[in-house]
Amino acid sequence: MYSSSTQFNHKKVVDISTEMNRLDLTAISPMLRVDPEADKTFADHFEHFLAHQDAATLDTLVIGFWAEDYDLSDTRYLSRMLAVLIDHKDKLPALKALFIGNIAQEESEISWIEMVCLSPIISAFSLENFRARGNGRFLEAPINNTGLKKLSLETGGLSAETIKHIIASDLPNLEHLELWIGDSEWYGDAKFAAIQPLLNSNKFPNLQYLGLRNCNYADELAIALANGAEILTTVKTLDLSLGNLSNKGAKALATSVNIASLDKLDIHYHYIEDDALLATLATVVPELDASDQQEADIYEDDGEEEISRYVFVSE
């Protein structure tokens, strides 16, 4: 089960939706969220924020639950919330980090958090750090933000269209790219063929961290990266965690000179059964996180053995 984040942009997340006292906004990651039982809209909470806080100093903003009637599948609520932020962008001159969708599983399954195109909100502000959590249809157009350094998209099923628009985006200063691929059974159509152009891209010359997480074809991904993906040219940390990586993918990683050039490899939450293989992998990179080993589900179907390995977040 995934939870809401307590930290964002290296600061503690604090819900200030109804806060009356003036706070030092630079010391926290303030969160605004709608309580569907409180008869308040996001616009109401934002006006309250403007009235009680020094908005000009806000450098980090977290958005939690935004639907007024518990229905996050109704995109009208998200569209209105984004419009409020964009309409008041002159009130937020210092905003550099934005997280949309800090919503725990107990509030909503990730696949129920319906998205609209987030390119306009990313392009509207001089953001350096953008993070979103939702059902995977994040982008319908490229992003225009040359100052963006960190892009993180968390989902149980990423859309191929989103990947296409990331590749087409103008992000020359991007240092951190984190994509949760998810499972195609939960609205995600970003199969390996969709991600391959990204692996062969040199669009991000300053990329230091590449996270292709929560992937249900992690072995195929690992083999492609091990065989020499152009995107790894500058990458120091490769994160393949939360996926269904097994012995097959781990063998490719353990024998790759491309992986050996990394500073860190993160594969935590994995299905690698061979402890000797894990020990070998630990000698390949200076730092390896291979914690949270999982066990595959094995069952019979019409007399044939079936093996299932599940990603961390799908529905």
C-alpha atoms as a PDB file:
ATOM      1  CA  MET A   1       0.000   0.000   0.000  1.00  0.00           C
ATOM      2  CA  TYR A   2       1.305   3.447  -0.897  1.00  0.00           C
ATOM      3  CA  SER A   3       0.799   6.423   1.372  1.00  0.00           C
ATOM      4  CA  SER A   4       0.791  10.183   1.070  1.00  0.00           C
ATOM      5  CA  SER A   5       4.252  11.710   1.148  1.00  0.00           C
ATOM      6  CA  THR A   6       5.432  13.382   4.327  1.00  0.00           C
ATOM      7  CA  GLN A   7       8.410  15.001   2.572  1.00  0.00           C
ATOM      8  CA  PHE A   8       8.707  16.911  -0.678  1.00  0.00           C
ATOM      9  CA  ASN A   9      11.529  19.059  -2.001  1.00  0.00           C
ATOM     10  CA  HIS A  10      13.602  18.106   1.071  1.00  0.00           C
ATOM     11  CA  LYS A  11      11.055  19.641   3.458  1.00  0.00           C
ATOM     12  CA  LYS A  12       8.251  18.356   5.674  1.00  0.00           C
ATOM     13  CA  VAL A  13       4.768  18.421   4.154  1.00  0.00           C
ATOM     14  CA  VAL A  14       2.377  20.450   6.329  1.00  0.00           C
ATOM     15  CA  ASP A  15      -1.358  20.769   5.617  1.00  0.00           C
ATOM     16  CA  ILE A  16      -2.163  24.493   5.799  1.00  0.00           C
ATOM     17  CA  SER A  17      -5.610  24.334   4.197  1.00  0.00           C
ATOM     18  CA  THR A  18      -7.302  25.871   7.246  1.00  0.00           C
ATOM     19  CA  GLU A  19      -4.251  27.384   8.980  1.00  0.00           C
ATOM     20  CA  MET A  20      -4.974  30.758  10.579  1.00  0.00           C
ATOM     21  CA  ASN A  21      -1.469  31.565  11.851  1.00  0.00           C
ATOM     22  CA  ARG A  22       1.179  32.980   9.548  1.00  0.00           C
ATOM     23  CA  LEU A  23       3.913  30.409   8.939  1.00  0.00           C
ATOM     24  CA  ASP A  24       7.432  30.478   7.557  1.00  0.00           C
ATOM     25  CA  LEU A  25       6.565  28.948   4.190  1.00  0.00           C
ATOM     26  CA  THR A  26      10.216  28.566   3.214  1.00  0.00           C
ATOM     27  CA  ALA A  27      10.767  26.078   6.063  1.00  0.00           C
ATOM     28  CA  ILE A  28       8.024  23.630   5.042  1.00  0.00           C
ATOM     29  CA  SER A  29       6.278  22.133   2.023  1.00  0.00           C
ATOM     30  CA  PRO A  30       2.774  23.580   2.469  1.00  0.00           C
ATOM     31  CA  MET A  31      -0.128  21.415   1.316  1.00  0.00           C
ATOM     32  CA  LEU A  32      -3.590  22.506   0.245  1.00  0.00           C
ATOM     33  CA  ARG A  33      -6.312  19.863   0.115  1.00  0.00           C
ATOM     34  CA  VAL A  34     -10.091  19.686  -0.107  1.00  0.00           C
ATOM     35  CA  ASP A  35     -12.155  17.893   2.537  1.00  0.00           C
ATOM     36  CA  PRO A  36     -15.246  16.664   0.653  1.00  0.00           C
ATOM     37  CA  GLU A  37     -17.266  16.850   3.873  1.00  0.00           C
ATOM     38  CA  ALA A  38     -16.357  20.472   4.632  1.00  0.00           C
ATOM     39  CA  ASP A  39     -18.287  22.199   1.824  1.00  0.00           C
ATOM     40  CA  LYS A  40     -15.199  24.096   0.659  1.00  0.00           C
ATOM     41  CA  THR A  41     -13.747  24.227  -2.853  1.00  0.00           C
ATOM     42  CA  PHE A  42     -10.075  24.386  -3.740  1.00  0.00           C
ATOM     43  CA  ALA A  43     -10.612  28.020  -4.710  1.00  0.00           C
ATOM     44  CA  ASP A  44     -11.920  28.685  -1.190  1.00  0.00           C
ATOM     45  CA  HIS A  45      -8.813  27.151   0.356  1.00  0.00           C
ATOM     46  CA  PHE A  46      -6.558  29.097  -1.984  1.00  0.00           C
ATOM     47  CA  GLU A  47      -8.231  32.391  -1.085  1.00  0.00           C
ATOM     48  CA  HIS A  48      -7.821  31.493   2.593  1.00  0.00           C
ATOM     49  CA  PHE A  49      -4.137  30.824   1.925  1.00  0.00           C
ATOM     50  CA  LEU A  50      -3.683  34.202   0.220  1.00  0.00           C
ATOM     51  CA  ALA A  51      -5.410  35.965   3.112  1.00  0.00           C
ATOM     52  CA  HIS A  52      -3.373  34.356   5.890  1.00  0.00           C
ATOM     53  CA  GLN A  53       0.063  33.588   4.405  1.00  0.00           C
ATOM     54  CA  ASP A  54       2.824  35.472   2.615  1.00  0.00           C
ATOM     55  CA  ALA A  55       2.273  33.901  -0.806  1.00  0.00           C
ATOM     56  CA  ALA A  56       5.209  35.780  -2.331  1.00  0.00           C
ATOM     57  CA  THR A  57       7.622  33.640  -0.284  1.00  0.00           C
ATOM     58  CA  LEU A  58       6.095  30.293  -1.288  1.00  0.00           C
ATOM     59  CA  ASP A  59       8.748  28.221  -3.072  1.00  0.00           C
ATOM     60  CA  THR A  60       7.150  24.783  -2.639  1.00  0.00           C
ATOM     61  CA  LEU A  61       3.500  23.729  -2.920  1.00  0.00           C
ATOM     62  CA  VAL A  62       1.822  20.350  -2.456  1.00  0.00           C
ATOM     63  CA  ILE A  63      -1.720  19.645  -3.641  1.00  0.00           C
ATOM     64  CA  GLY A  64      -3.631  16.837  -1.938  1.00  0.00           C
ATOM     65  CA  PHE A  65      -7.210  15.684  -2.522  1.00  0.00           C
ATOM     66  CA  TRP A  66      -9.014  18.194  -4.776  1.00  0.00           C
ATOM     67  CA  ALA A  67     -12.457  16.723  -5.531  1.00  0.00           C
ATOM     68  CA  GLU A  68     -15.382  18.206  -3.623  1.00  0.00           C
ATOM     69  CA  ASP A  69     -17.529  15.055  -3.721  1.00  0.00           C
ATOM     70  CA  TYR A  70     -14.929  12.254  -3.399  1.00  0.00           C
ATOM     71  CA  ASP A  71     -14.984  11.723  -7.183  1.00  0.00           C
ATOM     72  CA  LEU A  72     -11.435  12.141  -8.486  1.00  0.00           C
ATOM     73  CA  SER A  73     -12.522  10.638 -11.809  1.00  0.00           C
ATOM     74  CA  ASP A  74     -14.376  13.891 -12.542  1.00  0.00           C
ATOM     75  CA  THR A  75     -11.674  15.966 -14.243  1.00  0.00           C
ATOM     76  CA  ARG A  76     -13.628  19.190 -13.813  1.00  0.00           C
ATOM     77  CA  TYR A  77     -12.297  19.478 -10.270  1.00  0.00           C
ATOM     78  CA  LEU A  78      -8.689  19.053 -11.379  1.00  0.00           C
ATOM     79  CA  SER A  79      -9.141  21.519 -14.241  1.00  0.00           C
ATOM     80  CA  ARG A  80     -10.585  24.120 -11.871  1.00  0.00           C
ATOM     81  CA  MET A  81      -7.758  23.628  -9.387  1.00  0.00           C
ATOM     82  CA  LEU A  82      -5.110  24.060 -12.091  1.00  0.00           C
ATOM     83  CA  ALA A  83      -6.915  27.148 -13.401  1.00  0.00           C
ATOM     84  CA  VAL A  84      -6.847  28.709  -9.918  1.00  0.00           C
ATOM     85  CA  LEU A  85      -3.073  28.246  -9.729  1.00  0.00           C
ATOM     86  CA  ILE A  86      -2.404  29.558 -13.225  1.00  0.00           C
ATOM     87  CA  ASP A  87      -4.763  32.526 -12.777  1.00  0.00           C
ATOM     88  CA  HIS A  88      -2.863  33.524  -9.628  1.00  0.00           C
ATOM     89  CA  LYS A  89       0.660  32.812 -10.835  1.00  0.00           C
ATOM     90  CA  ASP A  90       1.624  36.467 -10.303  1.00  0.00           C
ATOM     91  CA  LYS A  91       0.904  35.905  -6.596  1.00  0.00           C
ATOM     92  CA  LEU A  92       3.416  33.028  -6.518  1.00  0.00           C
ATOM     93  CA  PRO A  93       6.629  34.504  -7.970  1.00  0.00           C
ATOM     94  CA  ALA A  94       8.941  32.272  -5.918  1.00  0.00           C
ATOM     95  CA  LEU A  95       7.270  28.923  -6.686  1.00  0.00           C
ATOM     96  CA  LYS A  96       9.902  26.413  -7.817  1.00  0.00           C
ATOM     97  CA  ALA A  97       8.547  23.032  -6.683  1.00  0.00           C
ATOM     98  CA  LEU A  98       5.021  21.670  -7.219  1.00  0.00           C
ATOM     99  CA  PHE A  99       3.548  18.276  -6.308  1.00  0.00           C
ATOM    100  CA  ILE A 100       0.059  17.493  -7.609  1.00  0.00           C
ATOM    101  CA  GLY A 101      -1.660  14.431  -6.177  1.00  0.00           C
ATOM    102  CA  ASN A 102      -0.296  13.775  -2.708  1.00  0.00           C
ATOM    103  CA  ILE A 103      -3.104  11.288  -2.166  1.00  0.00           C
ATOM    104  CA  ALA A 104      -2.855   8.067  -0.163  1.00  0.00           C
ATOM    105  CA  GLN A 105      -4.301   4.744  -1.302  1.00  0.00           C
ATOM    106  CA  GLU A 106      -6.844   4.871   1.533  1.00  0.00           C
ATOM    107  CA  GLU A 107      -8.207   8.078  -0.039  1.00  0.00           C
ATOM    108  CA  SER A 108      -8.226   6.789  -3.613  1.00  0.00           C
ATOM    109  CA  GLU A 109      -6.751   4.061  -5.774  1.00  0.00           C
ATOM    110  CA  ILE A 110      -4.145   5.610  -8.035  1.00  0.00           C
ATOM    111  CA  SER A 111      -6.046   4.512 -11.164  1.00  0.00           C
ATOM    112  CA  TRP A 112      -9.074   6.539 -10.028  1.00  0.00           C
ATOM    113  CA  ILE A 113      -7.118   9.798  -9.929  1.00  0.00           C
ATOM    114  CA  GLU A 114      -8.070  10.980 -13.404  1.00  0.00           C
ATOM    115  CA  MET A 115      -5.600  13.351 -15.020  1.00  0.00           C
ATOM    116  CA  VAL A 116      -5.789  16.185 -17.511  1.00  0.00           C
ATOM    117  CA  CYS A 117      -2.825  17.483 -19.479  1.00  0.00           C
ATOM    118  CA  LEU A 118      -0.311  18.909 -17.004  1.00  0.00           C
ATOM    119  CA  SER A 119       1.944  20.582 -19.577  1.00  0.00           C
ATOM    120  CA  PRO A 120       0.312  24.026 -19.095  1.00  0.00           C
ATOM    121  CA  ILE A 121       0.848  24.079 -15.324  1.00  0.00           C
ATOM    122  CA  ILE A 122       4.470  22.920 -15.654  1.00  0.00           C
ATOM    123  CA  SER A 123       5.108  25.561 -18.296  1.00  0.00           C
ATOM    124  CA  ALA A 124       3.252  28.367 -16.478  1.00  0.00           C
ATOM    125  CA  PHE A 125       5.690  28.631 -13.570  1.00  0.00           C
ATOM    126  CA  SER A 126       9.486  28.723 -13.418  1.00  0.00           C
ATOM    127  CA  LEU A 127       9.470  25.293 -11.823  1.00  0.00           C
ATOM    128  CA  GLU A 128      12.612  23.312 -11.106  1.00  0.00           C
ATOM    129  CA  ASN A 129      10.841  20.337  -9.510  1.00  0.00           C
ATOM    130  CA  PHE A 130       7.503  18.857 -10.604  1.00  0.00           C
ATOM    131  CA  ARG A 131       5.877  15.715  -9.295  1.00  0.00           C
ATOM    132  CA  ALA A 132       2.449  14.229  -9.987  1.00  0.00           C
ATOM    133  CA  ARG A 133       0.519  11.128  -8.969  1.00  0.00           C
ATOM    134  CA  GLY A 134      -2.423   9.838 -10.993  1.00  0.00           C
ATOM    135  CA  ASN A 135      -3.733   7.353 -13.523  1.00  0.00           C
ATOM    136  CA  GLY A 136      -0.963   7.822 -16.078  1.00  0.00           C
ATOM    137  CA  ARG A 137      -2.400  10.150 -18.707  1.00  0.00           C
ATOM    138  CA  PHE A 138      -0.286  13.100 -17.586  1.00  0.00           C
ATOM    139  CA  LEU A 139       0.627  14.820 -20.853  1.00  0.00           C
ATOM    140  CA  GLU A 140      -1.155  15.606 -24.096  1.00  0.00           C
ATOM    141  CA  ALA A 141       1.493  18.070 -25.292  1.00  0.00           C
ATOM    142  CA  PRO A 142       5.231  18.626 -24.771  1.00  0.00           C
ATOM    143  CA  ILE A 143       6.499  20.605 -21.783  1.00  0.00           C
ATOM    144  CA  ASN A 144       8.078  23.990 -22.345  1.00  0.00           C
ATOM    145  CA  ASN A 145      10.213  24.677 -19.274  1.00  0.00           C
ATOM    146  CA  THR A 146      13.950  24.973 -19.847  1.00  0.00           C
ATOM    147  CA  GLY A 147      14.615  25.419 -16.117  1.00  0.00           C
ATOM    148  CA  LEU A 148      13.015  22.156 -14.989  1.00  0.00           C
ATOM    149  CA  LYS A 149      15.535  19.927 -13.217  1.00  0.00           C
ATOM    150  CA  LYS A 150      13.328  17.236 -11.723  1.00  0.00           C
ATOM    151  CA  LEU A 151      10.293  15.477 -13.228  1.00  0.00           C
ATOM    152  CA  SER A 152       8.542  12.650 -11.362  1.00  0.00           C
ATOM    153  CA  LEU A 153       5.340  10.955 -12.549  1.00  0.00           C
ATOM    154  CA  GLU A 154       3.857   8.244 -10.322  1.00  0.00           C
ATOM    155  CA  THR A 155       1.189   5.897 -11.646  1.00  0.00           C
ATOM    156  CA  GLY A 156      -0.035   2.336 -11.822  1.00  0.00           C
ATOM    157  CA  GLY A 157      -0.172   2.517 -15.618  1.00  0.00           C
ATOM    158  CA  LEU A 158       1.704   5.113 -17.676  1.00  0.00           C
ATOM    159  CA  SER A 159       0.397   6.200 -21.066  1.00  0.00           C
ATOM    160  CA  ALA A 160       2.524   5.897 -24.192  1.00  0.00           C
ATOM    161  CA  GLU A 161       1.406   9.399 -25.150  1.00  0.00           C
ATOM    162  CA  THR A 162       3.000  10.807 -21.998  1.00  0.00           C
ATOM    163  CA  ILE A 163       6.350   9.241 -22.887  1.00  0.00           C
ATOM    164  CA  LYS A 164       6.092  10.580 -26.439  1.00  0.00           C
ATOM    165  CA  HIS A 165       5.571  14.118 -25.152  1.00  0.00           C
ATOM    166  CA  ILE A 166       8.405  13.851 -22.623  1.00  0.00           C
ATOM    167  CA  ILE A 167      10.779  12.977 -25.454  1.00  0.00           C
ATOM    168  CA  ALA A 168       9.459  15.940 -27.462  1.00  0.00           C
ATOM    169  CA  SER A 169       9.773  18.366 -24.534  1.00  0.00           C
ATOM    170  CA  ASP A 170      12.409  21.069 -24.257  1.00  0.00           C
ATOM    171  CA  LEU A 171      14.088  20.131 -20.955  1.00  0.00           C
ATOM    172  CA  PRO A 172      17.814  20.818 -21.433  1.00  0.00           C
ATOM    173  CA  ASN A 173      18.527  21.135 -17.700  1.00  0.00           C
ATOM    174  CA  LEU A 174      16.682  18.016 -16.557  1.00  0.00           C
ATOM    175  CA  GLU A 175      18.755  16.139 -13.980  1.00  0.00           C
ATOM    176  CA  HIS A 176      16.177  13.764 -12.487  1.00  0.00           C
ATOM    177  CA  LEU A 177      13.614  11.812 -14.531  1.00  0.00           C
ATOM    178  CA  GLU A 178      11.386   9.390 -12.627  1.00  0.00           C
ATOM    179  CA  LEU A 179       8.630   7.481 -14.403  1.00  0.00           C
ATOM    180  CA  TRP A 180       6.448   4.792 -12.874  1.00  0.00           C
ATOM    181  CA  ILE A 181       5.549   2.477 -15.761  1.00  0.00           C
ATOM    182  CA  GLY A 182       2.986   0.304 -13.991  1.00  0.00           C
ATOM    183  CA  ASP A 183       0.820  -2.444 -15.428  1.00  0.00           C
ATOM    184  CA  SER A 184      -0.960  -2.412 -18.779  1.00  0.00           C
ATOM    185  CA  GLU A 185      -4.035  -3.936 -17.116  1.00  0.00           C
ATOM    186  CA  TRP A 186      -4.558  -0.631 -15.306  1.00  0.00           C
ATOM    187  CA  TYR A 187      -4.925   1.804 -18.218  1.00  0.00           C
ATOM    188  CA  GLY A 188      -1.204   1.929 -19.000  1.00  0.00           C
ATOM    189  CA  ASP A 189      -0.329   1.383 -22.647  1.00  0.00           C
ATOM    190  CA  ALA A 190       3.360   2.317 -22.324  1.00  0.00           C
ATOM    191  CA  LYS A 191       4.730  -1.041 -23.368  1.00  0.00           C
ATOM    192  CA  PHE A 192       8.432  -1.567 -24.073  1.00  0.00           C
ATOM    193  CA  ALA A 193       8.095  -0.303 -27.653  1.00  0.00           C
ATOM    194  CA  ALA A 194       6.877   3.026 -26.244  1.00  0.00           C
ATOM    195  CA  ILE A 195       9.755   3.409 -23.793  1.00  0.00           C
ATOM    196  CA  GLN A 196      12.498   2.317 -26.232  1.00  0.00           C
ATOM    197  CA  PRO A 197      12.813   5.709 -27.999  1.00  0.00           C
ATOM    198  CA  LEU A 198      13.422   7.295 -24.600  1.00  0.00           C
ATOM    199  CA  LEU A 199      16.218   4.820 -23.857  1.00  0.00           C
ATOM    200  CA  ASN A 200      17.862   5.671 -27.164  1.00  0.00           C
ATOM    201  CA  SER A 201      17.462   9.421 -26.659  1.00  0.00           C
ATOM    202  CA  ASN A 202      20.159  11.959 -25.833  1.00  0.00           C
ATOM    203  CA  LYS A 203      17.627  14.748 -25.222  1.00  0.00           C
ATOM    204  CA  PHE A 204      18.705  15.223 -21.601  1.00  0.00           C
ATOM    205  CA  PRO A 205      22.445  16.015 -21.520  1.00  0.00           C
ATOM    206  CA  ASN A 206      22.438  16.796 -17.777  1.00  0.00           C
ATOM    207  CA  LEU A 207      20.521  13.732 -16.604  1.00  0.00           C
ATOM    208  CA  GLN A 208      22.016  12.286 -13.401  1.00  0.00           C
ATOM    209  CA  TYR A 209      19.139  10.143 -12.105  1.00  0.00           C
ATOM    210  CA  LEU A 210      16.940   7.865 -14.211  1.00  0.00           C
ATOM    211  CA  GLY A 211      14.062   6.091 -12.502  1.00  0.00           C
ATOM    212  CA  LEU A 212      12.022   3.613 -14.530  1.00  0.00           C
ATOM    213  CA  ARG A 213      10.137   2.243 -11.584  1.00  0.00           C
ATOM    214  CA  ASN A 214       7.120   0.064 -10.838  1.00  0.00           C
ATOM    215  CA  CYS A 215       7.534  -1.616 -14.235  1.00  0.00           C
ATOM    216  CA  ASN A 216       5.858  -4.891 -15.188  1.00  0.00           C
ATOM    217  CA  TYR A 217       8.460  -5.598 -17.888  1.00  0.00           C
ATOM    218  CA  ALA A 218      11.467  -4.822 -15.710  1.00  0.00           C
ATOM    219  CA  ASP A 219      13.541  -7.704 -17.117  1.00  0.00           C
ATOM    220  CA  GLU A 220      13.167  -6.463 -20.686  1.00  0.00           C
ATOM    221  CA  LEU A 221      14.002  -2.966 -19.510  1.00  0.00           C
ATOM    222  CA  ALA A 222      17.081  -4.146 -17.602  1.00  0.00           C
ATOM    223  CA  ILE A 223      18.409  -6.063 -20.603  1.00  0.00           C
ATOM    224  CA  ALA A 224      18.015  -3.048 -22.889  1.00  0.00           C
ATOM    225  CA  LEU A 225      19.772  -0.757 -20.403  1.00  0.00           C
ATOM    226  CA  ALA A 226      22.547  -3.274 -19.808  1.00  0.00           C
ATOM    227  CA  ASN A 227      23.183  -3.587 -23.537  1.00  0.00           C
ATOM    228  CA  GLY A 228      23.948   0.121 -23.824  1.00  0.00           C
ATOM    229  CA  ALA A 229      21.130   2.656 -23.818  1.00  0.00           C
ATOM    230  CA  GLU A 230      22.198   6.124 -24.922  1.00  0.00           C
ATOM    231  CA  ILE A 231      20.220   7.787 -22.136  1.00  0.00           C
ATOM    232  CA  LEU A 232      22.649   6.301 -19.574  1.00  0.00           C
ATOM    233  CA  THR A 233      25.586   8.326 -20.908  1.00  0.00           C
ATOM    234  CA  THR A 234      25.476  10.845 -18.043  1.00  0.00           C
ATOM    235  CA  VAL A 235      23.375   8.907 -15.514  1.00  0.00           C
ATOM    236  CA  LYS A 236      24.932   8.175 -12.124  1.00  0.00           C
ATOM    237  CA  THR A 237      21.897   6.621 -10.392  1.00  0.00           C
ATOM    238  CA  LEU A 238      19.672   4.058 -12.108  1.00  0.00           C
ATOM    239  CA  ASP A 239      16.466   3.212 -10.267  1.00  0.00           C
ATOM    240  CA  LEU A 240      14.557   0.105 -11.364  1.00  0.00           C
ATOM    241  CA  SER A 241      12.828  -0.388  -8.024  1.00  0.00           C
ATOM    242  CA  LEU A 242       9.216  -1.419  -7.320  1.00  0.00           C
ATOM    243  CA  GLY A 243       9.016  -3.535 -10.490  1.00  0.00           C
ATOM    244  CA  ASN A 244       9.010  -7.260 -11.247  1.00  0.00           C
ATOM    245  CA  LEU A 245      12.756  -7.639 -11.872  1.00  0.00           C
ATOM    246  CA  SER A 246      13.812 -11.306 -11.725  1.00  0.00           C
ATOM    247  CA  ASN A 247      16.974 -13.379 -12.211  1.00  0.00           C
ATOM    248  CA  LYS A 248      16.782 -12.855 -15.976  1.00  0.00           C
ATOM    249  CA  GLY A 249      17.122  -9.086 -15.806  1.00  0.00           C
ATOM    250  CA  ALA A 250      19.601  -9.213 -12.940  1.00  0.00           C
ATOM    251  CA  LYS A 251      21.985 -11.412 -14.950  1.00  0.00           C
ATOM    252  CA  ALA A 252      22.100  -8.802 -17.703  1.00  0.00           C
ATOM    253  CA  LEU A 253      22.784  -6.031 -15.184  1.00  0.00           C
ATOM    254  CA  ALA A 254      25.516  -8.035 -13.438  1.00  0.00           C
ATOM    255  CA  THR A 255      27.523  -8.538 -16.632  1.00  0.00           C
ATOM    256  CA  SER A 256      27.158  -5.050 -18.106  1.00  0.00           C
ATOM    257  CA  VAL A 257      29.992  -2.528 -18.383  1.00  0.00           C
ATOM    258  CA  ASN A 258      27.336   0.168 -18.765  1.00  0.00           C
ATOM    259  CA  ILE A 259      25.880  -0.657 -15.358  1.00  0.00           C
ATOM    260  CA  ALA A 260      29.378  -0.808 -13.859  1.00  0.00           C
ATOM    261  CA  SER A 261      29.834   2.885 -14.687  1.00  0.00           C
ATOM    262  CA  LEU A 262      26.998   3.884 -12.334  1.00  0.00           C
ATOM    263  CA  ASP A 263      27.438   5.214  -8.816  1.00  0.00           C
ATOM    264  CA  LYS A 264      24.232   3.589  -7.591  1.00  0.00           C
ATOM    265  CA  LEU A 265      21.758   0.941  -8.718  1.00  0.00           C
ATOM    266  CA  ASP A 266      18.419   0.763  -6.910  1.00  0.00           C
ATOM    267  CA  ILE A 267      16.354  -2.391  -7.459  1.00  0.00           C
ATOM    268  CA  HIS A 268      14.548  -2.612  -4.110  1.00  0.00           C
ATOM    269  CA  TYR A 269      11.274  -4.527  -4.216  1.00  0.00           C
ATOM    270  CA  HIS A 270      12.379  -7.212  -6.681  1.00  0.00           C
ATOM    271  CA  TYR A 271      11.925 -10.908  -7.469  1.00  0.00           C
ATOM    272  CA  ILE A 272      15.565 -11.990  -7.766  1.00  0.00           C
ATOM    273  CA  GLU A 273      15.802 -15.429  -6.140  1.00  0.00           C
ATOM    274  CA  ASP A 274      19.497 -16.127  -6.710  1.00  0.00           C
ATOM    275  CA  ASP A 275      21.425 -14.794  -3.699  1.00  0.00           C
ATOM    276  CA  ALA A 276      24.741 -15.462  -5.436  1.00  0.00           C
ATOM    277  CA  LEU A 277      23.593 -13.292  -8.323  1.00  0.00           C
ATOM    278  CA  LEU A 278      22.697 -10.519  -5.902  1.00  0.00           C
ATOM    279  CA  ALA A 279      26.141 -10.817  -4.337  1.00  0.00           C
ATOM    280  CA  THR A 280      27.750 -10.492  -7.770  1.00  0.00           C
ATOM    281  CA  LEU A 281      25.609  -7.488  -8.581  1.00  0.00           C
ATOM    282  CA  ALA A 282      26.776  -5.838  -5.362  1.00  0.00           C
ATOM    283  CA  THR A 283      30.356  -5.969  -6.670  1.00  0.00           C
ATOM    284  CA  VAL A 284      29.433  -4.308  -9.967  1.00  0.00           C
ATOM    285  CA  VAL A 285      28.325  -0.931  -8.598  1.00  0.00           C
ATOM    286  CA  PRO A 286      29.634   1.114  -5.647  1.00  0.00           C
ATOM    287  CA  GLU A 287      26.146   1.236  -4.109  1.00  0.00           C
ATOM    288  CA  LEU A 288      23.334  -1.288  -4.524  1.00  0.00           C
ATOM    289  CA  ASP A 289      19.907  -1.260  -2.907  1.00  0.00           C
ATOM    290  CA  ALA A 290      18.477  -4.752  -3.307  1.00  0.00           C
ATOM    291  CA  SER A 291      16.239  -4.722  -0.252  1.00  0.00           C
ATOM    292  CA  ASP A 292      12.630  -5.917   0.000  1.00  0.00           C
ATOM    293  CA  GLN A 293      12.972  -9.207  -1.876  1.00  0.00           C
ATOM    294  CA  GLN A 294       9.606 -10.576  -3.044  1.00  0.00           C
ATOM    295  CA  GLU A 295       8.364 -14.091  -3.794  1.00  0.00           C
ATOM    296  CA  ALA A 296       6.568 -14.852  -7.031  1.00  0.00           C
ATOM    297  CA  ASP A 297       3.126 -16.460  -6.971  1.00  0.00           C
ATOM    298  CA  ILE A 298       3.223 -19.915  -8.564  1.00  0.00           C
ATOM    299  CA  TYR A 299       0.066 -21.765  -9.534  1.00  0.00           C
ATOM    300  CA  GLU A 300      -1.240 -24.226 -12.121  1.00  0.00           C
ATOM    301  CA  ASP A 301      -3.481 -23.315 -15.033  1.00  0.00           C
ATOM    302  CA  ASP A 302      -4.740 -26.223 -17.180  1.00  0.00           C
ATOM    303  CA  GLY A 303      -1.875 -28.347 -15.936  1.00  0.00           C
ATOM    304  CA  GLU A 304       0.786 -25.758 -16.733  1.00  0.00           C
ATOM    305  CA  GLU A 305       2.789 -23.858 -14.147  1.00  0.00           C
ATOM    306  CA  GLU A 306       2.160 -20.120 -14.141  1.00  0.00           C
ATOM    307  CA  ILE A 307       4.392 -17.588 -12.405  1.00  0.00           C
ATOM    308  CA  SER A 308       3.128 -14.122 -11.496  1.00  0.00           C
ATOM    309  CA  ARG A 309       5.310 -11.247 -10.349  1.00  0.00           C
ATOM    310  CA  TYR A 310       3.464  -8.074  -9.426  1.00  0.00           C
ATOM    311  CA  VAL A 311       4.590  -4.469  -9.459  1.00  0.00           C
ATOM    312  CA  PHE A 312       4.302  -2.440  -6.260  1.00  0.00           C
ATOM    313  CA  VAL A 313       1.435  -0.203  -7.454  1.00  0.00           C
ATOM    314  CA  SER A 314      -1.061  -1.089 -10.168  1.00  0.00           C
ATOM    315  CA  GLU A 315      -4.700  -0.363  -9.367  1.00  0.00           C
END
